[in-house]
Amino acid sequence: MDALSLTELRQNLFQIADGVIDTGEAVVIERRGVRLRLVREDAAIGGRLARLKAQQLVIGPPLKPDESPALWSEPPLSAVAETVPTFGAPAKRPKR
């Protein structure tokens, strides 16, 4: 999106404002290296989040008393290594 200078905005203010109103598309203005936006108020409040569609909540069966959601992400016991080798300092060799 190209930025307009403040001079361009001043010269065409009413046409630019009408364009923002009609299309809802923001206009970027640059002044001393700072970028500003001219937007419709209703577009600024909702933004992209306002375009999200509502979704239904799916409720599954209740949990069993012995079931915990914390266990859902754990790997099955068959996938867990039985023993893990430990690495430490090498054993000292006996002196000759």
N, C-alpha and C. Protein backbone atom coordinates (compact mmCIF):
# COMPACT_ATOMS: atom_id res chain seq x y z
N MET A 1 0.85 -1.16 0.00
CA MET A 1 0.00 0.00 0.00
C MET A 1 0.90 1.23 0.00
N ASP A 2 0.77 2.03 -1.03
CA ASP A 2 1.56 3.26 -1.12
C ASP A 2 0.98 4.32 -0.20
N ALA A 3 1.86 5.10 0.39
CA ALA A 3 1.43 6.15 1.31
C ALA A 3 1.31 7.47 0.57
N LEU A 4 0.31 8.23 0.95
CA LEU A 4 0.14 9.57 0.41
C LEU A 4 0.93 10.56 1.26
N SER A 5 1.35 11.64 0.64
CA SER A 5 1.96 12.71 1.43
C SER A 5 0.83 13.56 2.01
N LEU A 6 1.17 14.34 3.00
CA LEU A 6 0.17 15.21 3.61
C LEU A 6 -0.33 16.25 2.60
N THR A 7 0.53 16.66 1.69
CA THR A 7 0.13 17.62 0.65
C THR A 7 -0.91 16.99 -0.27
N GLU A 8 -0.70 15.73 -0.68
CA GLU A 8 -1.67 15.04 -1.53
C GLU A 8 -3.01 14.89 -0.80
N LEU A 9 -2.94 14.57 0.48
CA LEU A 9 -4.17 14.44 1.26
C LEU A 9 -4.92 15.77 1.32
N ARG A 10 -4.19 16.85 1.57
CA ARG A 10 -4.82 18.16 1.67
C ARG A 10 -5.47 18.57 0.35
N GLN A 11 -4.80 18.27 -0.76
CA GLN A 11 -5.33 18.66 -2.07
C GLN A 11 -6.57 17.86 -2.46
N ASN A 12 -6.67 16.61 -2.00
CA ASN A 12 -7.76 15.73 -2.42
C ASN A 12 -8.53 15.16 -1.22
N LEU A 13 -8.61 15.91 -0.14
CA LEU A 13 -9.17 15.40 1.09
C LEU A 13 -10.57 14.84 0.92
N PHE A 14 -11.45 15.56 0.27
CA PHE A 14 -12.84 15.12 0.16
C PHE A 14 -12.98 13.88 -0.72
N GLN A 15 -12.23 13.82 -1.82
CA GLN A 15 -12.28 12.64 -2.68
C GLN A 15 -11.72 11.41 -1.95
N ILE A 16 -10.62 11.59 -1.21
CA ILE A 16 -10.00 10.48 -0.48
C ILE A 16 -10.94 10.01 0.63
N ALA A 17 -11.55 10.95 1.36
CA ALA A 17 -12.48 10.59 2.43
C ALA A 17 -13.69 9.85 1.86
N ASP A 18 -14.22 10.30 0.73
CA ASP A 18 -15.34 9.61 0.11
C ASP A 18 -14.95 8.20 -0.33
N GLY A 19 -13.72 8.04 -0.82
CA GLY A 19 -13.25 6.72 -1.22
C GLY A 19 -13.14 5.77 -0.04
N VAL A 20 -12.67 6.27 1.09
CA VAL A 20 -12.59 5.44 2.30
C VAL A 20 -13.99 5.05 2.76
N ILE A 21 -14.92 5.99 2.69
CA ILE A 21 -16.29 5.71 3.10
C ILE A 21 -16.93 4.68 2.19
N ASP A 22 -16.77 4.83 0.88
CA ASP A 22 -17.41 3.94 -0.08
C ASP A 22 -16.82 2.54 -0.08
N THR A 23 -15.50 2.44 -0.06
CA THR A 23 -14.85 1.13 -0.19
C THR A 23 -14.51 0.49 1.14
N GLY A 24 -14.35 1.28 2.18
CA GLY A 24 -13.93 0.75 3.47
C GLY A 24 -12.44 0.47 3.53
N GLU A 25 -11.73 0.78 2.46
CA GLU A 25 -10.29 0.53 2.41
C GLU A 25 -9.54 1.71 3.04
N ALA A 26 -8.59 1.40 3.91
CA ALA A 26 -7.83 2.42 4.62
C ALA A 26 -6.86 3.12 3.68
N VAL A 27 -6.55 4.36 3.99
CA VAL A 27 -5.57 5.14 3.24
C VAL A 27 -4.42 5.44 4.20
N VAL A 28 -3.20 5.23 3.71
CA VAL A 28 -2.01 5.48 4.53
C VAL A 28 -1.43 6.83 4.14
N ILE A 29 -1.13 7.63 5.16
CA ILE A 29 -0.55 8.96 4.96
C ILE A 29 0.79 8.96 5.67
N GLU A 30 1.80 9.52 5.01
CA GLU A 30 3.12 9.57 5.63
C GLU A 30 3.52 11.01 5.88
N ARG A 31 3.97 11.26 7.10
CA ARG A 31 4.42 12.61 7.50
C ARG A 31 5.68 12.47 8.33
N ARG A 32 6.77 13.00 7.86
CA ARG A 32 8.08 12.96 8.54
C ARG A 32 8.46 11.53 8.93
N GLY A 33 8.22 10.59 8.04
CA GLY A 33 8.62 9.21 8.28
C GLY A 33 7.65 8.41 9.13
N VAL A 34 6.58 9.03 9.59
CA VAL A 34 5.58 8.35 10.41
C VAL A 34 4.38 8.06 9.52
N ARG A 35 3.90 6.82 9.58
CA ARG A 35 2.75 6.42 8.77
C ARG A 35 1.48 6.49 9.60
N LEU A 36 0.46 7.11 9.04
CA LEU A 36 -0.85 7.24 9.68
C LEU A 36 -1.88 6.56 8.79
N ARG A 37 -3.01 6.16 9.37
CA ARG A 37 -4.06 5.52 8.59
C ARG A 37 -5.36 6.30 8.74
N LEU A 38 -6.04 6.47 7.63
CA LEU A 38 -7.37 7.03 7.63
C LEU A 38 -8.31 5.86 7.36
N VAL A 39 -9.12 5.48 8.37
CA VAL A 39 -9.99 4.31 8.26
C VAL A 39 -11.40 4.66 8.69
N ARG A 40 -12.35 3.86 8.22
CA ARG A 40 -13.73 4.00 8.70
C ARG A 40 -13.79 3.51 10.13
N GLU A 41 -14.59 4.14 10.96
CA GLU A 41 -14.65 3.77 12.37
C GLU A 41 -15.14 2.35 12.55
N ASP A 42 -16.15 1.93 11.80
CA ASP A 42 -16.66 0.57 11.97
C ASP A 42 -15.63 -0.47 11.54
N ALA A 43 -14.76 -0.14 10.61
CA ALA A 43 -13.71 -1.08 10.19
C ALA A 43 -12.60 -1.13 11.23
N ALA A 44 -12.33 -0.02 11.90
CA ALA A 44 -11.26 0.02 12.88
C ALA A 44 -11.63 -0.76 14.14
N ILE A 45 -12.88 -0.77 14.51
CA ILE A 45 -13.30 -1.44 15.73
C ILE A 45 -13.26 -2.95 15.57
N GLY A 46 -13.87 -3.46 14.51
CA GLY A 46 -13.94 -4.90 14.33
C GLY A 46 -12.70 -5.46 13.67
N GLY A 47 -12.28 -4.84 12.61
CA GLY A 47 -11.13 -5.32 11.88
C GLY A 47 -11.34 -6.73 11.36
N ARG A 48 -10.26 -7.48 11.29
CA ARG A 48 -10.33 -8.83 10.75
C ARG A 48 -11.09 -9.77 11.68
N LEU A 49 -11.09 -9.52 12.97
CA LEU A 49 -11.80 -10.39 13.89
C LEU A 49 -13.31 -10.34 13.68
N ALA A 50 -13.81 -9.19 13.22
CA ALA A 50 -15.24 -9.06 13.01
C ALA A 50 -15.71 -9.94 11.86
N ARG A 51 -14.81 -10.34 10.97
CA ARG A 51 -15.19 -11.17 9.83
C ARG A 51 -15.21 -12.66 10.16
N LEU A 52 -14.79 -13.04 11.36
CA LEU A 52 -14.82 -14.44 11.73
C LEU A 52 -16.26 -14.93 11.88
N LYS A 53 -16.50 -16.17 11.47
CA LYS A 53 -17.82 -16.74 11.57
C LYS A 53 -17.94 -17.51 12.88
N ALA A 54 -19.10 -17.42 13.49
CA ALA A 54 -19.34 -18.15 14.74
C ALA A 54 -19.37 -19.64 14.44
N GLN A 55 -18.83 -20.43 15.34
CA GLN A 55 -18.82 -21.87 15.18
C GLN A 55 -19.54 -22.51 16.35
N GLN A 56 -20.11 -23.68 16.08
CA GLN A 56 -20.83 -24.38 17.14
C GLN A 56 -19.86 -25.12 18.04
N LEU A 57 -20.20 -25.17 19.29
CA LEU A 57 -19.41 -25.91 20.27
C LEU A 57 -19.87 -27.36 20.24
N VAL A 58 -18.92 -28.26 20.09
CA VAL A 58 -19.25 -29.68 20.08
C VAL A 58 -18.94 -30.25 21.46
N ILE A 59 -19.95 -30.81 22.09
CA ILE A 59 -19.78 -31.37 23.43
C ILE A 59 -19.76 -32.88 23.30
N GLY A 60 -18.66 -33.48 23.74
CA GLY A 60 -18.51 -34.93 23.66
C GLY A 60 -19.05 -35.61 24.89
N PRO A 61 -18.86 -36.92 24.95
CA PRO A 61 -19.35 -37.66 26.12
C PRO A 61 -18.56 -37.28 27.36
N PRO A 62 -19.14 -37.45 28.53
CA PRO A 62 -18.41 -37.10 29.76
C PRO A 62 -17.22 -38.03 29.98
N LEU A 63 -16.24 -37.56 30.73
CA LEU A 63 -15.06 -38.36 31.03
C LEU A 63 -15.40 -39.44 32.04
N LYS A 64 -14.68 -40.54 31.93
CA LYS A 64 -14.79 -41.61 32.93
C LYS A 64 -14.08 -41.13 34.19
N PRO A 65 -14.43 -41.66 35.36
CA PRO A 65 -13.79 -41.21 36.60
C PRO A 65 -12.28 -41.40 36.61
N ASP A 66 -11.77 -42.43 35.93
CA ASP A 66 -10.32 -42.68 35.95
C ASP A 66 -9.59 -42.01 34.78
N GLU A 67 -10.30 -41.24 33.96
CA GLU A 67 -9.69 -40.61 32.79
C GLU A 67 -9.35 -39.16 33.11
N SER A 68 -8.19 -38.73 32.63
CA SER A 68 -7.75 -37.36 32.86
C SER A 68 -7.30 -36.74 31.54
N PRO A 69 -7.71 -35.52 31.25
CA PRO A 69 -7.24 -34.88 30.02
C PRO A 69 -5.73 -34.72 30.00
N ALA A 70 -5.09 -34.70 31.15
CA ALA A 70 -3.63 -34.56 31.20
C ALA A 70 -2.96 -35.78 30.58
N LEU A 71 -3.63 -36.92 30.58
CA LEU A 71 -3.04 -38.14 30.04
C LEU A 71 -3.22 -38.25 28.53
N TRP A 72 -4.02 -37.42 27.91
CA TRP A 72 -4.31 -37.54 26.49
C TRP A 72 -3.08 -37.33 25.64
N SER A 73 -2.17 -36.48 26.06
CA SER A 73 -1.01 -36.18 25.23
C SER A 73 0.19 -37.06 25.56
N GLU A 74 0.07 -37.93 26.55
CA GLU A 74 1.18 -38.81 26.89
C GLU A 74 1.28 -39.94 25.88
N PRO A 75 2.50 -40.37 25.54
CA PRO A 75 2.63 -41.49 24.61
C PRO A 75 2.20 -42.79 25.30
N PRO A 76 1.76 -43.75 24.51
CA PRO A 76 1.39 -45.02 25.13
C PRO A 76 2.60 -45.66 25.80
N LEU A 77 2.34 -46.49 26.79
CA LEU A 77 3.43 -47.10 27.55
C LEU A 77 4.35 -47.93 26.67
N SER A 78 3.83 -48.51 25.60
CA SER A 78 4.67 -49.32 24.73
C SER A 78 5.70 -48.47 23.99
N ALA A 79 5.45 -47.18 23.84
CA ALA A 79 6.37 -46.31 23.13
C ALA A 79 7.43 -45.71 24.03
N VAL A 80 7.28 -45.87 25.32
CA VAL A 80 8.24 -45.30 26.26
C VAL A 80 9.41 -46.27 26.42
N ALA A 81 10.62 -45.75 26.40
CA ALA A 81 11.80 -46.59 26.55
C ALA A 81 11.81 -47.23 27.93
N GLU A 82 12.23 -48.48 27.98
CA GLU A 82 12.24 -49.19 29.25
C GLU A 82 13.38 -48.71 30.14
N THR A 83 14.57 -48.64 29.56
CA THR A 83 15.71 -48.15 30.33
C THR A 83 16.45 -47.14 29.48
N VAL A 84 16.93 -46.14 30.11
CA VAL A 84 17.68 -45.11 29.42
C VAL A 84 19.12 -45.20 29.91
N PRO A 85 20.06 -45.38 28.98
CA PRO A 85 21.45 -45.46 29.44
C PRO A 85 21.89 -44.13 30.02
N THR A 86 22.67 -44.22 31.07
CA THR A 86 23.20 -43.01 31.68
C THR A 86 24.67 -42.89 31.33
N PHE A 87 25.07 -41.70 31.06
CA PHE A 87 26.45 -41.44 30.69
C PHE A 87 27.07 -40.59 31.79
N GLY A 88 28.18 -41.05 32.29
CA GLY A 88 28.84 -40.30 33.35
C GLY A 88 30.33 -40.30 33.10
N ALA A 89 31.07 -40.02 34.13
CA ALA A 89 32.53 -40.02 34.02
C ALA A 89 33.01 -41.46 33.78
N PRO A 90 33.98 -41.65 32.92
CA PRO A 90 34.48 -43.00 32.67
C PRO A 90 35.11 -43.59 33.93
N ALA A 91 34.97 -44.89 34.05
CA ALA A 91 35.55 -45.58 35.21
C ALA A 91 37.06 -45.49 35.16
N LYS A 92 37.68 -45.38 36.32
CA LYS A 92 39.15 -45.28 36.37
C LYS A 92 39.76 -46.64 36.12
N ARG A 93 40.85 -46.64 35.37
CA ARG A 93 41.57 -47.90 35.11
C ARG A 93 42.51 -48.18 36.29
N PRO A 94 42.63 -49.40 36.62
CA PRO A 94 43.58 -49.72 37.70
C PRO A 94 44.99 -49.45 37.25
N LYS A 95 45.85 -49.00 38.18
CA LYS A 95 47.24 -48.68 37.87
C LYS A 95 48.03 -49.97 37.76
N ARG A 96 49.01 -50.03 36.91
CA ARG A 96 49.86 -51.22 36.75
C ARG A 96 51.11 -51.12 37.51
